[in-house]
Amino acid sequence: MTAPHDSPTAAELVEAVREFLENDVLGATEGRVQFHTRVAINVLGQVQRELESGAAMADAHHDRLAALGFADDIELAAAIRSGALDDRYDEVKAAVWATVRDKLAVANPRYLES
């Protein structure tokens, strides 16, 4: 919950709409409308996960970049391209992999299961 807003939170509202689509609309539709309902359910799930975890993931990402000595992804990418971090491969790999895991956890957590 973000002040001055009360409950339900934005994530809870998104979850309620997603569950309505899943439980009441999806089975009552077919064809193109059912496909677009599935797409809407997936989008709302992604928005819900980002609302719930996005701030913590952003803080963690910022901390990883700072630990490598960079303010943002653009600086990190330039350093990787130039070879300036070749001697810190394991450290960079761990930071990039953690960022990829966070992105997948929001976009589609099922991809992390395999």
PDB file of N, CA and C in Angstrom:
ATOM      1  N   MET A   1       0.843  -1.172   0.000  1.00  0.00           N
ATOM      2  CA  MET A   1       0.000   0.000   0.000  1.00  0.00           C
ATOM      3  C   MET A   1       0.890   1.238   0.000  1.00  0.00           C
ATOM      4  N   THR A   2       0.537   2.182  -0.823  1.00  0.00           N
ATOM      5  CA  THR A   2       1.316   3.400  -0.938  1.00  0.00           C
ATOM      6  C   THR A   2       0.479   4.568  -0.456  1.00  0.00           C
ATOM      7  N   ALA A   3       1.008   5.278   0.558  1.00  0.00           N
ATOM      8  CA  ALA A   3       0.283   6.428   1.099  1.00  0.00           C
ATOM      9  C   ALA A   3       0.081   7.456  -0.001  1.00  0.00           C
ATOM     10  N   PRO A   4      -1.033   8.091  -0.109  1.00  0.00           N
ATOM     11  CA  PRO A   4      -2.163   8.114   0.801  1.00  0.00           C
ATOM     12  C   PRO A   4      -3.238   7.084   0.470  1.00  0.00           C
ATOM     13  N   HIS A   5      -2.934   6.120  -0.363  1.00  0.00           N
ATOM     14  CA  HIS A   5      -3.949   5.155  -0.802  1.00  0.00           C
ATOM     15  C   HIS A   5      -4.175   4.078   0.252  1.00  0.00           C
ATOM     16  N   ASP A   6      -5.426   3.672   0.348  1.00  0.00           N
ATOM     17  CA  ASP A   6      -5.795   2.632   1.299  1.00  0.00           C
ATOM     18  C   ASP A   6      -5.905   1.291   0.576  1.00  0.00           C
ATOM     19  N   SER A   7      -6.232   0.277   1.322  1.00  0.00           N
ATOM     20  CA  SER A   7      -6.458  -1.038   0.777  1.00  0.00           C
ATOM     21  C   SER A   7      -7.779  -1.044   0.004  1.00  0.00           C
ATOM     22  N   PRO A   8      -7.892  -1.728  -1.093  1.00  0.00           N
ATOM     23  CA  PRO A   8      -6.925  -2.648  -1.676  1.00  0.00           C
ATOM     24  C   PRO A   8      -5.803  -1.909  -2.403  1.00  0.00           C
ATOM     25  N   THR A   9      -4.656  -2.575  -2.442  1.00  0.00           N
ATOM     26  CA  THR A   9      -3.507  -2.015  -3.140  1.00  0.00           C
ATOM     27  C   THR A   9      -3.705  -2.157  -4.643  1.00  0.00           C
ATOM     28  N   ALA A  10      -2.856  -1.494  -5.395  1.00  0.00           N
ATOM     29  CA  ALA A  10      -2.908  -1.630  -6.853  1.00  0.00           C
ATOM     30  C   ALA A  10      -2.696  -3.090  -7.246  1.00  0.00           C
ATOM     31  N   ALA A  11      -1.778  -3.772  -6.591  1.00  0.00           N
ATOM     32  CA  ALA A  11      -1.527  -5.182  -6.893  1.00  0.00           C
ATOM     33  C   ALA A  11      -2.759  -6.034  -6.583  1.00  0.00           C
ATOM     34  N   GLU A  12      -3.440  -5.729  -5.494  1.00  0.00           N
ATOM     35  CA  GLU A  12      -4.649  -6.491  -5.143  1.00  0.00           C
ATOM     36  C   GLU A  12      -5.765  -6.244  -6.151  1.00  0.00           C
ATOM     37  N   LEU A  13      -5.893  -5.013  -6.644  1.00  0.00           N
ATOM     38  CA  LEU A  13      -6.908  -4.718  -7.658  1.00  0.00           C
ATOM     39  C   LEU A  13      -6.606  -5.455  -8.961  1.00  0.00           C
ATOM     40  N   VAL A  14      -5.348  -5.432  -9.350  1.00  0.00           N
ATOM     41  CA  VAL A  14      -4.947  -6.146 -10.565  1.00  0.00           C
ATOM     42  C   VAL A  14      -5.215  -7.640 -10.399  1.00  0.00           C
ATOM     43  N   GLU A  15      -4.886  -8.182  -9.240  1.00  0.00           N
ATOM     44  CA  GLU A  15      -5.121  -9.600  -8.972  1.00  0.00           C
ATOM     45  C   GLU A  15      -6.617  -9.926  -9.068  1.00  0.00           C
ATOM     46  N   ALA A  16      -7.475  -9.061  -8.544  1.00  0.00           N
ATOM     47  CA  ALA A  16      -8.919  -9.314  -8.587  1.00  0.00           C
ATOM     48  C   ALA A  16      -9.429  -9.360 -10.027  1.00  0.00           C
ATOM     49  N   VAL A  17      -8.957  -8.445 -10.856  1.00  0.00           N
ATOM     50  CA  VAL A  17      -9.385  -8.437 -12.269  1.00  0.00           C
ATOM     51  C   VAL A  17      -8.846  -9.675 -12.980  1.00  0.00           C
ATOM     52  N   ARG A  18      -7.584 -10.013 -12.712  1.00  0.00           N
ATOM     53  CA  ARG A  18      -6.986 -11.208 -13.339  1.00  0.00           C
ATOM     54  C   ARG A  18      -7.772 -12.459 -12.958  1.00  0.00           C
ATOM     55  N   GLU A  19      -8.109 -12.590 -11.680  1.00  0.00           N
ATOM     56  CA  GLU A  19      -8.863 -13.768 -11.235  1.00  0.00           C
ATOM     57  C   GLU A  19     -10.266 -13.795 -11.839  1.00  0.00           C
ATOM     58  N   PHE A  20     -10.903 -12.636 -11.992  1.00  0.00           N
ATOM     59  CA  PHE A  20     -12.213 -12.578 -12.643  1.00  0.00           C
ATOM     60  C   PHE A  20     -12.113 -13.095 -14.078  1.00  0.00           C
ATOM     61  N   LEU A  21     -11.094 -12.637 -14.787  1.00  0.00           N
ATOM     62  CA  LEU A  21     -10.912 -13.099 -16.166  1.00  0.00           C
ATOM     63  C   LEU A  21     -10.656 -14.602 -16.209  1.00  0.00           C
ATOM     64  N   GLU A  22      -9.812 -15.082 -15.285  1.00  0.00           N
ATOM     65  CA  GLU A  22      -9.477 -16.518 -15.258  1.00  0.00           C
ATOM     66  C   GLU A  22     -10.683 -17.378 -14.911  1.00  0.00           C
ATOM     67  N   ASN A  23     -11.425 -16.972 -13.891  1.00  0.00           N
ATOM     68  CA  ASN A  23     -12.473 -17.835 -13.343  1.00  0.00           C
ATOM     69  C   ASN A  23     -13.832 -17.648 -13.989  1.00  0.00           C
ATOM     70  N   ASP A  24     -14.136 -16.451 -14.484  1.00  0.00           N
ATOM     71  CA  ASP A  24     -15.491 -16.191 -14.979  1.00  0.00           C
ATOM     72  C   ASP A  24     -15.558 -15.926 -16.486  1.00  0.00           C
ATOM     73  N   VAL A  25     -14.528 -15.345 -17.044  1.00  0.00           N
ATOM     74  CA  VAL A  25     -14.606 -14.946 -18.456  1.00  0.00           C
ATOM     75  C   VAL A  25     -13.994 -15.994 -19.376  1.00  0.00           C
ATOM     76  N   LEU A  26     -12.843 -16.517 -19.020  1.00  0.00           N
ATOM     77  CA  LEU A  26     -12.104 -17.415 -19.916  1.00  0.00           C
ATOM     78  C   LEU A  26     -12.962 -18.592 -20.387  1.00  0.00           C
ATOM     79  N   GLY A  27     -13.641 -19.260 -19.484  1.00  0.00           N
ATOM     80  CA  GLY A  27     -14.448 -20.420 -19.834  1.00  0.00           C
ATOM     81  C   GLY A  27     -15.727 -20.078 -20.582  1.00  0.00           C
ATOM     82  N   ALA A  28     -16.147 -18.845 -20.527  1.00  0.00           N
ATOM     83  CA  ALA A  28     -17.381 -18.425 -21.202  1.00  0.00           C
ATOM     84  C   ALA A  28     -17.109 -17.860 -22.582  1.00  0.00           C
ATOM     85  N   THR A  29     -15.857 -17.913 -23.012  1.00  0.00           N
ATOM     86  CA  THR A  29     -15.518 -17.365 -24.321  1.00  0.00           C
ATOM     87  C   THR A  29     -14.866 -18.436 -25.165  1.00  0.00           C
ATOM     88  N   GLU A  30     -14.685 -18.138 -26.416  1.00  0.00           N
ATOM     89  CA  GLU A  30     -13.987 -19.057 -27.309  1.00  0.00           C
ATOM     90  C   GLU A  30     -13.324 -18.262 -28.425  1.00  0.00           C
ATOM     91  N   GLY A  31     -12.462 -18.933 -29.133  1.00  0.00           N
ATOM     92  CA  GLY A  31     -11.808 -18.327 -30.289  1.00  0.00           C
ATOM     93  C   GLY A  31     -10.982 -17.099 -29.948  1.00  0.00           C
ATOM     94  N   ARG A  32     -11.164 -16.075 -30.761  1.00  0.00           N
ATOM     95  CA  ARG A  32     -10.362 -14.859 -30.662  1.00  0.00           C
ATOM     96  C   ARG A  32     -10.520 -14.182 -29.299  1.00  0.00           C
ATOM     97  N   VAL A  33     -11.744 -14.109 -28.786  1.00  0.00           N
ATOM     98  CA  VAL A  33     -11.973 -13.460 -27.492  1.00  0.00           C
ATOM     99  C   VAL A  33     -11.290 -14.248 -26.380  1.00  0.00           C
ATOM    100  N   GLN A  34     -11.334 -15.574 -26.446  1.00  0.00           N
ATOM    101  CA  GLN A  34     -10.671 -16.387 -25.431  1.00  0.00           C
ATOM    102  C   GLN A  34      -9.152 -16.191 -25.501  1.00  0.00           C
ATOM    103  N   PHE A  35      -8.605 -16.128 -26.708  1.00  0.00           N
ATOM    104  CA  PHE A  35      -7.170 -15.884 -26.856  1.00  0.00           C
ATOM    105  C   PHE A  35      -6.785 -14.549 -26.228  1.00  0.00           C
ATOM    106  N   HIS A  36      -7.551 -13.513 -26.540  1.00  0.00           N
ATOM    107  CA  HIS A  36      -7.230 -12.194 -25.992  1.00  0.00           C
ATOM    108  C   HIS A  36      -7.453 -12.150 -24.477  1.00  0.00           C
ATOM    109  N   THR A  37      -8.375 -12.949 -23.970  1.00  0.00           N
ATOM    110  CA  THR A  37      -8.553 -13.046 -22.515  1.00  0.00           C
ATOM    111  C   THR A  37      -7.315 -13.667 -21.880  1.00  0.00           C
ATOM    112  N   ARG A  38      -6.770 -14.709 -22.512  1.00  0.00           N
ATOM    113  CA  ARG A  38      -5.528 -15.324 -22.000  1.00  0.00           C
ATOM    114  C   ARG A  38      -4.385 -14.314 -22.003  1.00  0.00           C
ATOM    115  N   VAL A  39      -4.287 -13.542 -23.076  1.00  0.00           N
ATOM    116  CA  VAL A  39      -3.238 -12.517 -23.151  1.00  0.00           C
ATOM    117  C   VAL A  39      -3.427 -11.504 -22.018  1.00  0.00           C
ATOM    118  N   ALA A  40      -4.659 -11.063 -21.800  1.00  0.00           N
ATOM    119  CA  ALA A  40      -4.942 -10.093 -20.726  1.00  0.00           C
ATOM    120  C   ALA A  40      -4.596 -10.673 -19.367  1.00  0.00           C
ATOM    121  N   ILE A  41      -4.904 -11.946 -19.135  1.00  0.00           N
ATOM    122  CA  ILE A  41      -4.569 -12.611 -17.867  1.00  0.00           C
ATOM    123  C   ILE A  41      -3.052 -12.615 -17.657  1.00  0.00           C
ATOM    124  N   ASN A  42      -2.315 -12.939 -18.712  1.00  0.00           N
ATOM    125  CA  ASN A  42      -0.851 -12.958 -18.600  1.00  0.00           C
ATOM    126  C   ASN A  42      -0.290 -11.565 -18.340  1.00  0.00           C
ATOM    127  N   VAL A  43      -0.831 -10.565 -19.016  1.00  0.00           N
ATOM    128  CA  VAL A  43      -0.363  -9.187 -18.818  1.00  0.00           C
ATOM    129  C   VAL A  43      -0.650  -8.737 -17.387  1.00  0.00           C
ATOM    130  N   LEU A  44      -1.848  -9.013 -16.900  1.00  0.00           N
ATOM    131  CA  LEU A  44      -2.191  -8.610 -15.530  1.00  0.00           C
ATOM    132  C   LEU A  44      -1.323  -9.338 -14.508  1.00  0.00           C
ATOM    133  N   GLY A  45      -0.996 -10.597 -14.772  1.00  0.00           N
ATOM    134  CA  GLY A  45      -0.092 -11.329 -13.882  1.00  0.00           C
ATOM    135  C   GLY A  45       1.280 -10.675 -13.833  1.00  0.00           C
ATOM    136  N   GLN A  46       1.762 -10.240 -14.991  1.00  0.00           N
ATOM    137  CA  GLN A  46       3.062  -9.569 -15.047  1.00  0.00           C
ATOM    138  C   GLN A  46       3.010  -8.249 -14.293  1.00  0.00           C
ATOM    139  N   VAL A  47       1.952  -7.479 -14.492  1.00  0.00           N
ATOM    140  CA  VAL A  47       1.811  -6.196 -13.785  1.00  0.00           C
ATOM    141  C   VAL A  47       1.739  -6.434 -12.276  1.00  0.00           C
ATOM    142  N   GLN A  48       0.976  -7.434 -11.863  1.00  0.00           N
ATOM    143  CA  GLN A  48       0.847  -7.751 -10.437  1.00  0.00           C
ATOM    144  C   GLN A  48       2.204  -8.096  -9.838  1.00  0.00           C
ATOM    145  N   ARG A  49       2.968  -8.949 -10.522  1.00  0.00           N
ATOM    146  CA  ARG A  49       4.285  -9.342  -9.997  1.00  0.00           C
ATOM    147  C   ARG A  49       5.234  -8.149  -9.921  1.00  0.00           C
ATOM    148  N   GLU A  50       5.162  -7.259 -10.924  1.00  0.00           N
ATOM    149  CA  GLU A  50       6.032  -6.080 -10.892  1.00  0.00           C
ATOM    150  C   GLU A  50       5.631  -5.139  -9.773  1.00  0.00           C
ATOM    151  N   LEU A  51       4.335  -4.958  -9.549  1.00  0.00           N
ATOM    152  CA  LEU A  51       3.888  -4.106  -8.444  1.00  0.00           C
ATOM    153  C   LEU A  51       4.345  -4.673  -7.103  1.00  0.00           C
ATOM    154  N   GLU A  52       4.306  -5.996  -6.979  1.00  0.00           N
ATOM    155  CA  GLU A  52       4.645  -6.639  -5.712  1.00  0.00           C
ATOM    156  C   GLU A  52       6.158  -6.697  -5.472  1.00  0.00           C
ATOM    157  N   SER A  53       6.949  -6.869  -6.528  1.00  0.00           N
ATOM    158  CA  SER A  53       8.385  -7.113  -6.350  1.00  0.00           C
ATOM    159  C   SER A  53       9.279  -6.095  -7.032  1.00  0.00           C
ATOM    160  N   GLY A  54       8.720  -5.245  -7.852  1.00  0.00           N
ATOM    161  CA  GLY A  54       9.531  -4.357  -8.678  1.00  0.00           C
ATOM    162  C   GLY A  54      10.451  -3.434  -7.898  1.00  0.00           C
ATOM    163  N   ALA A  55       9.963  -2.854  -6.813  1.00  0.00           N
ATOM    164  CA  ALA A  55      10.794  -1.914  -6.057  1.00  0.00           C
ATOM    165  C   ALA A  55      11.996  -2.620  -5.435  1.00  0.00           C
ATOM    166  N   ALA A  56      11.771  -3.782  -4.864  1.00  0.00           N
ATOM    167  CA  ALA A  56      12.885  -4.536  -4.262  1.00  0.00           C
ATOM    168  C   ALA A  56      13.872  -4.983  -5.335  1.00  0.00           C
ATOM    169  N   MET A  57      13.336  -5.388  -6.494  1.00  0.00           N
ATOM    170  CA  MET A  57      14.222  -5.809  -7.589  1.00  0.00           C
ATOM    171  C   MET A  57      15.020  -4.623  -8.122  1.00  0.00           C
ATOM    172  N   ALA A  58      14.391  -3.462  -8.198  1.00  0.00           N
ATOM    173  CA  ALA A  58      15.105  -2.265  -8.661  1.00  0.00           C
ATOM    174  C   ALA A  58      16.224  -1.898  -7.693  1.00  0.00           C
ATOM    175  N   ASP A  59      15.950  -1.988  -6.399  1.00  0.00           N
ATOM    176  CA  ASP A  59      16.989  -1.710  -5.400  1.00  0.00           C
ATOM    177  C   ASP A  59      18.142  -2.703  -5.525  1.00  0.00           C
ATOM    178  N   ALA A  60      17.816  -3.979  -5.681  1.00  0.00           N
ATOM    179  CA  ALA A  60      18.857  -5.004  -5.810  1.00  0.00           C
ATOM    180  C   ALA A  60      19.681  -4.778  -7.077  1.00  0.00           C
ATOM    181  N   HIS A  61      19.000  -4.414  -8.162  1.00  0.00           N
ATOM    182  CA  HIS A  61      19.713  -4.144  -9.417  1.00  0.00           C
ATOM    183  C   HIS A  61      20.662  -2.962  -9.254  1.00  0.00           C
ATOM    184  N   HIS A  62      20.162  -1.918  -8.623  1.00  0.00           N
ATOM    185  CA  HIS A  62      21.007  -0.739  -8.362  1.00  0.00           C
ATOM    186  C   HIS A  62      22.234  -1.127  -7.530  1.00  0.00           C
ATOM    187  N   ASP A  63      22.025  -1.946  -6.504  1.00  0.00           N
ATOM    188  CA  ASP A  63      23.137  -2.387  -5.656  1.00  0.00           C
ATOM    189  C   ASP A  63      24.158  -3.206  -6.447  1.00  0.00           C
ATOM    190  N   ARG A  64      23.653  -4.081  -7.344  1.00  0.00           N
ATOM    191  CA  ARG A  64      24.583  -4.892  -8.162  1.00  0.00           C
ATOM    192  C   ARG A  64      25.423  -3.994  -9.068  1.00  0.00           C
ATOM    193  N   LEU A  65      24.760  -3.010  -9.709  1.00  0.00           N
ATOM    194  CA  LEU A  65      25.498  -2.085 -10.568  1.00  0.00           C
ATOM    195  C   LEU A  65      26.524  -1.293  -9.764  1.00  0.00           C
ATOM    196  N   ALA A  66      26.119  -0.812  -8.603  1.00  0.00           N
ATOM    197  CA  ALA A  66      27.034  -0.026  -7.762  1.00  0.00           C
ATOM    198  C   ALA A  66      28.232  -0.869  -7.332  1.00  0.00           C
ATOM    199  N   ALA A  67      27.990  -2.135  -7.020  1.00  0.00           N
ATOM    200  CA  ALA A  67      29.098  -3.017  -6.612  1.00  0.00           C
ATOM    201  C   ALA A  67      30.111  -3.198  -7.740  1.00  0.00           C
ATOM    202  N   LEU A  68      29.613  -3.115  -8.981  1.00  0.00           N
ATOM    203  CA  LEU A  68      30.522  -3.219 -10.128  1.00  0.00           C
ATOM    204  C   LEU A  68      31.139  -1.863 -10.484  1.00  0.00           C
ATOM    205  N   GLY A  69      30.600  -0.792  -9.881  1.00  0.00           N
ATOM    206  CA  GLY A  69      31.149   0.535 -10.127  1.00  0.00           C
ATOM    207  C   GLY A  69      30.430   1.339 -11.196  1.00  0.00           C
ATOM    208  N   PHE A  70      29.149   0.994 -11.443  1.00  0.00           N
ATOM    209  CA  PHE A  70      28.408   1.673 -12.506  1.00  0.00           C
ATOM    210  C   PHE A  70      27.092   2.228 -11.971  1.00  0.00           C
ATOM    211  N   ALA A  71      26.660   3.312 -12.623  1.00  0.00           N
ATOM    212  CA  ALA A  71      25.416   3.960 -12.212  1.00  0.00           C
ATOM    213  C   ALA A  71      24.203   3.380 -12.923  1.00  0.00           C
ATOM    214  N   ASP A  72      24.427   2.817 -14.118  1.00  0.00           N
ATOM    215  CA  ASP A  72      23.272   2.303 -14.869  1.00  0.00           C
ATOM    216  C   ASP A  72      23.717   1.218 -15.858  1.00  0.00           C
ATOM    217  N   ASP A  73      22.711   0.647 -16.532  1.00  0.00           N
ATOM    218  CA  ASP A  73      22.974  -0.442 -17.483  1.00  0.00           C
ATOM    219  C   ASP A  73      23.792   0.023 -18.683  1.00  0.00           C
ATOM    220  N   ILE A  74      23.603   1.281 -19.071  1.00  0.00           N
ATOM    221  CA  ILE A  74      24.329   1.804 -20.234  1.00  0.00           C
ATOM    222  C   ILE A  74      25.834   1.798 -19.965  1.00  0.00           C
ATOM    223  N   GLU A  75      26.231   2.246 -18.782  1.00  0.00           N
ATOM    224  CA  GLU A  75      27.653   2.243 -18.421  1.00  0.00           C
ATOM    225  C   GLU A  75      28.190   0.810 -18.345  1.00  0.00           C
ATOM    226  N   LEU A  76      27.407  -0.087 -17.748  1.00  0.00           N
ATOM    227  CA  LEU A  76      27.844  -1.487 -17.649  1.00  0.00           C
ATOM    228  C   LEU A  76      28.021  -2.093 -19.037  1.00  0.00           C
ATOM    229  N   ALA A  77      27.033  -1.875 -19.925  1.00  0.00           N
ATOM    230  CA  ALA A  77      27.111  -2.434 -21.279  1.00  0.00           C
ATOM    231  C   ALA A  77      28.338  -1.901 -22.016  1.00  0.00           C
ATOM    232  N   ALA A  78      28.623  -0.614 -21.873  1.00  0.00           N
ATOM    233  CA  ALA A  78      29.797  -0.031 -22.537  1.00  0.00           C
ATOM    234  C   ALA A  78      31.082  -0.657 -22.006  1.00  0.00           C
ATOM    235  N   ALA A  79      31.139  -0.877 -20.704  1.00  0.00           N
ATOM    236  CA  ALA A  79      32.337  -1.482 -20.111  1.00  0.00           C
ATOM    237  C   ALA A  79      32.504  -2.926 -20.571  1.00  0.00           C
ATOM    238  N   ILE A  80      31.399  -3.655 -20.676  1.00  0.00           N
ATOM    239  CA  ILE A  80      31.475  -5.039 -21.165  1.00  0.00           C
ATOM    240  C   ILE A  80      31.969  -5.046 -22.609  1.00  0.00           C
ATOM    241  N   ARG A  81      31.391  -4.172 -23.448  1.00  0.00           N
ATOM    242  CA  ARG A  81      31.799  -4.121 -24.866  1.00  0.00           C
ATOM    243  C   ARG A  81      33.271  -3.746 -25.028  1.00  0.00           C
ATOM    244  N   SER A  82      33.760  -2.882 -24.168  1.00  0.00           N
ATOM    245  CA  SER A  82      35.148  -2.424 -24.317  1.00  0.00           C
ATOM    246  C   SER A  82      36.165  -3.426 -23.779  1.00  0.00           C
ATOM    247  N   GLY A  83      35.679  -4.421 -23.032  1.00  0.00           N
ATOM    248  CA  GLY A  83      36.590  -5.393 -22.439  1.00  0.00           C
ATOM    249  C   GLY A  83      37.134  -4.959 -21.092  1.00  0.00           C
ATOM    250  N   ALA A  84      36.662  -3.834 -20.571  1.00  0.00           N
ATOM    251  CA  ALA A  84      37.171  -3.309 -19.305  1.00  0.00           C
ATOM    252  C   ALA A  84      36.866  -4.216 -18.115  1.00  0.00           C
ATOM    253  N   LEU A  85      35.913  -5.116 -18.292  1.00  0.00           N
ATOM    254  CA  LEU A  85      35.536  -5.993 -17.176  1.00  0.00           C
ATOM    255  C   LEU A  85      35.944  -7.447 -17.408  1.00  0.00           C
ATOM    256  N   ASP A  86      36.767  -7.685 -18.420  1.00  0.00           N
ATOM    257  CA  ASP A  86      37.135  -9.060 -18.740  1.00  0.00           C
ATOM    258  C   ASP A  86      37.787  -9.787 -17.562  1.00  0.00           C
ATOM    259  N   ASP A  87      38.495  -9.066 -16.732  1.00  0.00           N
ATOM    260  CA  ASP A  87      39.148  -9.702 -15.576  1.00  0.00           C
ATOM    261  C   ASP A  87      38.180  -9.894 -14.402  1.00  0.00           C
ATOM    262  N   ARG A  88      36.939  -9.432 -14.552  1.00  0.00           N
ATOM    263  CA  ARG A  88      35.921  -9.601 -13.494  1.00  0.00           C
ATOM    264  C   ARG A  88      34.735 -10.420 -14.037  1.00  0.00           C
ATOM    265  N   TYR A  89      35.031 -11.347 -14.935  1.00  0.00           N
ATOM    266  CA  TYR A  89      33.987 -12.098 -15.632  1.00  0.00           C
ATOM    267  C   TYR A  89      32.994 -12.744 -14.670  1.00  0.00           C
ATOM    268  N   ASP A  90      33.465 -13.460 -13.681  1.00  0.00           N
ATOM    269  CA  ASP A  90      32.560 -14.168 -12.766  1.00  0.00           C
ATOM    270  C   ASP A  90      31.641 -13.201 -12.016  1.00  0.00           C
ATOM    271  N   GLU A  91      32.193 -12.075 -11.602  1.00  0.00           N
ATOM    272  CA  GLU A  91      31.409 -11.074 -10.879  1.00  0.00           C
ATOM    273  C   GLU A  91      30.337 -10.456 -11.785  1.00  0.00           C
ATOM    274  N   VAL A  92      30.717 -10.142 -13.019  1.00  0.00           N
ATOM    275  CA  VAL A  92      29.764  -9.559 -13.981  1.00  0.00           C
ATOM    276  C   VAL A  92      28.703 -10.585 -14.338  1.00  0.00           C
ATOM    277  N   LYS A  93      29.122 -11.819 -14.579  1.00  0.00           N
ATOM    278  CA  LYS A  93      28.181 -12.887 -14.934  1.00  0.00           C
ATOM    279  C   LYS A  93      27.148 -13.067 -13.827  1.00  0.00           C
ATOM    280  N   ALA A  94      27.571 -13.087 -12.581  1.00  0.00           N
ATOM    281  CA  ALA A  94      26.640 -13.250 -11.461  1.00  0.00           C
ATOM    282  C   ALA A  94      25.648 -12.093 -11.394  1.00  0.00           C
ATOM    283  N   ALA A  95      26.123 -10.874 -11.619  1.00  0.00           N
ATOM    284  CA  ALA A  95      25.235  -9.703 -11.569  1.00  0.00           C
ATOM    285  C   ALA A  95      24.230  -9.734 -12.718  1.00  0.00           C
ATOM    286  N   VAL A  96      24.710 -10.036 -13.914  1.00  0.00           N
ATOM    287  CA  VAL A  96      23.802 -10.074 -15.078  1.00  0.00           C
ATOM    288  C   VAL A  96      22.798 -11.206 -14.919  1.00  0.00           C
ATOM    289  N   TRP A  97      23.255 -12.352 -14.441  1.00  0.00           N
ATOM    290  CA  TRP A  97      22.357 -13.481 -14.254  1.00  0.00           C
ATOM    291  C   TRP A  97      21.274 -13.156 -13.211  1.00  0.00           C
ATOM    292  N   ALA A  98      21.631 -12.481 -12.143  1.00  0.00           N
ATOM    293  CA  ALA A  98      20.642 -12.090 -11.135  1.00  0.00           C
ATOM    294  C   ALA A  98      19.597 -11.148 -11.741  1.00  0.00           C
ATOM    295  N   THR A  99      20.034 -10.254 -12.606  1.00  0.00           N
ATOM    296  CA  THR A  99      19.095  -9.345 -13.267  1.00  0.00           C
ATOM    297  C   THR A  99      18.170 -10.116 -14.197  1.00  0.00           C
ATOM    298  N   VAL A 100      18.714 -11.054 -14.935  1.00  0.00           N
ATOM    299  CA  VAL A 100      17.884 -11.864 -15.839  1.00  0.00           C
ATOM    300  C   VAL A 100      16.857 -12.664 -15.034  1.00  0.00           C
ATOM    301  N   ARG A 101      17.274 -13.232 -13.904  1.00  0.00           N
ATOM    302  CA  ARG A 101      16.338 -13.995 -13.057  1.00  0.00           C
ATOM    303  C   ARG A 101      15.201 -13.096 -12.573  1.00  0.00           C
ATOM    304  N   ASP A 102      15.525 -11.869 -12.152  1.00  0.00           N
ATOM    305  CA  ASP A 102      14.488 -10.945 -11.698  1.00  0.00           C
ATOM    306  C   ASP A 102      13.519 -10.602 -12.828  1.00  0.00           C
ATOM    307  N   LYS A 103      14.058 -10.375 -14.021  1.00  0.00           N
ATOM    308  CA  LYS A 103      13.190 -10.064 -15.163  1.00  0.00           C
ATOM    309  C   LYS A 103      12.257 -11.232 -15.469  1.00  0.00           C
ATOM    310  N   LEU A 104      12.787 -12.448 -15.457  1.00  0.00           N
ATOM    311  CA  LEU A 104      11.955 -13.626 -15.721  1.00  0.00           C
ATOM    312  C   LEU A 104      10.935 -13.838 -14.614  1.00  0.00           C
ATOM    313  N   ALA A 105      11.305 -13.547 -13.386  1.00  0.00           N
ATOM    314  CA  ALA A 105      10.368 -13.716 -12.267  1.00  0.00           C
ATOM    315  C   ALA A 105       9.143 -12.830 -12.449  1.00  0.00           C
ATOM    316  N   VAL A 106       9.297 -11.706 -13.109  1.00  0.00           N
ATOM    317  CA  VAL A 106       8.165 -10.813 -13.383  1.00  0.00           C
ATOM    318  C   VAL A 106       7.488 -11.201 -14.699  1.00  0.00           C
ATOM    319  N   ALA A 107       8.273 -11.364 -15.745  1.00  0.00           N
ATOM    320  CA  ALA A 107       7.699 -11.603 -17.075  1.00  0.00           C
ATOM    321  C   ALA A 107       7.009 -12.953 -17.173  1.00  0.00           C
ATOM    322  N   ASN A 108       7.672 -14.007 -16.714  1.00  0.00           N
ATOM    323  CA  ASN A 108       7.087 -15.351 -16.786  1.00  0.00           C
ATOM    324  C   ASN A 108       7.866 -16.284 -15.869  1.00  0.00           C
ATOM    325  N   PRO A 109       7.459 -16.406 -14.616  1.00  0.00           N
ATOM    326  CA  PRO A 109       8.224 -17.215 -13.649  1.00  0.00           C
ATOM    327  C   PRO A 109       8.323 -18.694 -14.025  1.00  0.00           C
ATOM    328  N   ARG A 110       7.457 -19.168 -14.918  1.00  0.00           N
ATOM    329  CA  ARG A 110       7.547 -20.579 -15.336  1.00  0.00           C
ATOM    330  C   ARG A 110       8.860 -20.870 -16.042  1.00  0.00           C
ATOM    331  N   TYR A 111       9.442 -19.839 -16.685  1.00  0.00           N
ATOM    332  CA  TYR A 111      10.721 -20.040 -17.368  1.00  0.00           C
ATOM    333  C   TYR A 111      11.845 -20.316 -16.377  1.00  0.00           C
ATOM    334  N   LEU A 112      11.683 -19.947 -15.120  1.00  0.00           N
ATOM    335  CA  LEU A 112      12.716 -20.200 -14.115  1.00  0.00           C
ATOM    336  C   LEU A 112      12.661 -21.631 -13.595  1.00  0.00           C
ATOM    337  N   GLU A 113      11.570 -22.324 -13.864  1.00  0.00           N
ATOM    338  CA  GLU A 113      11.400 -23.679 -13.341  1.00  0.00           C
ATOM    339  C   GLU A 113      12.225 -24.688 -14.117  1.00  0.00           C
ATOM    340  N   SER A 114      12.563 -24.413 -15.351  1.00  0.00           N
ATOM    341  CA  SER A 114      13.310 -25.390 -16.151  1.00  0.00           C
ATOM    342  C   SER A 114      14.782 -25.125 -16.139  1.00  0.00           C
TER     343      SER A 114
END
